[in-house]
Amino acid sequence: MRMRTGQVARQSGVNIQTLRYYERRGLLQTPPRRPSGYREYTTHAVGVVRFVKRAQELGFSLDEVEALLDLAAGGPASCDKARGLATQKVAELDGKIASLRAMQGSLRRLVATCEKPRDQRECPLLEALVDGDVPARRRSTP
């Protein structure tokens, strides 16, 4: 079955510009054109675009997605390489999660200190900014 650009975009859940970008990046093969000039995709293109989007949702960059697409075309022998990429991604995400948890803890402490009476408050965020030589904004008095 042959499809036009808009049909592939709709079925894939992306816009037409994304589809064309994937073509330019080489993630999606450039389809042949009809005599009228319209691109003529196969249904396989929808599967490829959905693969790209699912991989991105898992945190893979487009460069990594390209490697995954190559591995997917390689069959079961590529499983070890795909597992290696996924393992790297898990380690990367673990680092991001740890960083986010640290930020969350700092913000919770900030919120907790804001609940104290005004004369007992300390603002570690503002203190860090001042200690880091970030100029404090001065209020002008009318």
Protein backbone atom coordinates (compact mmCIF):
# COMPACT_ATOMS: atom_id res chain seq x y z
CA MET A 1 0.00 0.00 0.00
CA ARG A 2 1.31 3.43 -0.93
CA MET A 3 0.76 6.51 1.20
CA ARG A 4 1.29 10.23 0.88
CA THR A 5 3.23 12.35 3.36
CA GLY A 6 0.20 13.58 5.30
CA GLN A 7 -1.13 10.05 5.73
CA VAL A 8 2.17 8.78 7.09
CA ALA A 9 2.45 11.77 9.43
CA ARG A 10 -1.08 11.27 10.78
CA GLN A 11 -0.68 7.54 11.29
CA SER A 12 2.70 8.04 12.93
CA GLY A 13 1.59 10.84 15.22
CA VAL A 14 4.11 13.40 13.92
CA ASN A 15 3.88 16.46 11.74
CA ILE A 16 5.05 16.63 8.15
CA GLN A 17 8.14 18.67 9.03
CA THR A 18 9.25 15.93 11.43
CA LEU A 19 8.83 13.34 8.70
CA ARG A 20 10.96 15.36 6.31
CA TYR A 21 13.56 15.96 9.02
CA TYR A 22 13.82 12.20 9.59
CA GLU A 23 14.40 11.81 5.86
CA ARG A 24 17.18 14.43 5.87
CA ARG A 25 18.82 12.71 8.86
CA GLY A 26 18.66 9.36 7.11
CA LEU A 27 16.38 7.78 9.69
CA LEU A 28 13.71 7.33 7.05
CA GLN A 29 14.43 6.44 3.46
CA THR A 30 13.50 9.10 0.96
CA PRO A 31 10.53 7.67 -0.89
CA PRO A 32 10.06 7.70 -4.63
CA ARG A 33 7.83 10.38 -6.07
CA ARG A 34 4.70 10.04 -8.13
CA PRO A 35 4.63 11.76 -11.52
CA SER A 36 2.66 14.50 -9.77
CA GLY A 37 5.64 15.10 -7.45
CA TYR A 38 4.03 13.71 -4.29
CA ARG A 39 6.15 11.42 -2.14
CA GLU A 40 4.92 7.85 -2.12
CA TYR A 41 5.68 6.00 1.11
CA THR A 42 5.08 2.39 1.99
CA THR A 43 3.38 1.39 5.24
CA HIS A 44 6.85 0.44 6.51
CA ALA A 45 7.56 4.17 6.92
CA VAL A 46 4.86 4.41 9.61
CA GLY A 47 6.58 1.62 11.56
CA VAL A 48 9.95 3.32 11.28
CA VAL A 49 8.62 6.67 12.51
CA ARG A 50 6.81 5.00 15.41
CA PHE A 51 10.05 3.18 16.30
CA VAL A 52 11.90 6.51 16.34
CA LYS A 53 9.28 8.16 18.53
CA ARG A 54 9.17 5.25 21.01
CA ALA A 55 12.96 5.25 21.27
CA GLN A 56 12.96 9.01 21.88
CA GLU A 57 10.34 8.56 24.61
CA LEU A 58 12.79 6.16 26.28
CA GLY A 59 15.41 8.90 26.23
CA PHE A 60 17.47 7.92 23.20
CA SER A 61 18.92 10.71 21.08
CA LEU A 62 18.41 10.65 17.33
CA ASP A 63 22.01 9.48 16.87
CA GLU A 64 21.30 6.59 19.22
CA VAL A 65 18.01 5.90 17.45
CA GLU A 66 19.90 5.65 14.19
CA ALA A 67 22.16 3.00 15.73
CA LEU A 68 19.11 1.16 17.08
CA LEU A 69 17.49 1.20 13.65
CA ASP A 70 20.63 -0.32 12.18
CA LEU A 71 20.63 -2.95 14.91
CA ALA A 72 16.93 -3.70 14.40
CA ALA A 73 17.64 -4.40 10.74
CA GLY A 74 20.47 -6.73 11.75
CA GLY A 75 18.33 -9.35 13.45
CA PRO A 76 18.93 -11.33 16.67
CA ALA A 77 22.73 -11.13 16.44
CA SER A 78 22.42 -7.41 17.18
CA CYS A 79 20.71 -8.04 20.53
CA ASP A 80 23.94 -7.77 22.55
CA LYS A 81 24.75 -4.39 21.02
CA ALA A 82 21.19 -3.16 21.62
CA ARG A 83 21.40 -4.37 25.22
CA GLY A 84 24.67 -2.45 25.60
CA LEU A 85 23.05 0.77 24.38
CA ALA A 86 20.09 0.20 26.70
CA THR A 87 22.41 -0.47 29.64
CA GLN A 88 24.25 2.79 28.97
CA LYS A 89 20.91 4.61 28.81
CA VAL A 90 19.83 3.10 32.16
CA ALA A 91 23.07 4.27 33.79
CA GLU A 92 22.58 7.73 32.29
CA LEU A 93 19.02 7.87 33.60
CA ASP A 94 20.13 6.69 37.06
CA GLY A 95 22.52 9.64 37.18
CA LYS A 96 19.80 12.06 36.11
CA ILE A 97 17.39 10.63 38.67
CA ALA A 98 19.96 11.04 41.45
CA SER A 99 20.55 14.63 40.38
CA LEU A 100 16.82 15.34 40.25
CA ARG A 101 16.32 13.82 43.71
CA ALA A 102 19.07 16.05 45.10
CA MET A 103 17.42 19.08 43.51
CA GLN A 104 14.05 17.98 44.89
CA GLY A 105 15.52 17.69 48.39
CA SER A 106 17.03 21.16 48.16
CA LEU A 107 13.75 22.65 46.99
CA ARG A 108 11.83 20.87 49.78
CA ARG A 109 14.24 22.34 52.34
CA LEU A 110 13.75 25.74 50.75
CA VAL A 111 9.96 25.41 50.97
CA ALA A 112 10.21 24.22 54.59
CA THR A 113 12.33 27.21 55.60
CA CYS A 114 9.84 29.55 53.94
CA GLU A 115 7.17 28.26 56.32
CA LYS A 116 9.11 29.51 59.37
CA PRO A 117 8.51 32.95 60.88
CA ARG A 118 10.17 35.62 58.74
CA ASP A 119 12.98 36.38 61.23
CA GLN A 120 13.99 32.69 61.39
CA ARG A 121 14.11 32.09 57.67
CA GLU A 122 17.22 31.25 55.76
CA CYS A 123 17.19 30.99 52.04
CA PRO A 124 19.95 28.68 50.85
CA LEU A 125 19.06 29.33 47.22
CA LEU A 126 19.44 33.08 47.51
CA GLU A 127 22.55 32.70 49.68
CA ALA A 128 24.13 30.40 47.09
CA LEU A 129 23.41 32.90 44.36
CA VAL A 130 24.89 35.76 46.39
CA ASP A 131 27.95 33.71 47.43
CA GLY A 132 28.42 32.73 43.80
CA ASP A 133 29.01 36.37 42.90
CA VAL A 134 25.67 36.66 41.17
CA PRO A 135 24.66 40.29 41.62
CA ALA A 136 21.51 40.64 43.68
CA ARG A 137 18.74 42.67 42.13
CA ARG A 138 18.30 45.91 43.99
CA ARG A 139 14.87 47.30 44.44
CA SER A 140 14.45 50.93 43.71
CA THR A 141 12.52 52.87 46.26
CA PRO A 142 9.95 55.24 44.89
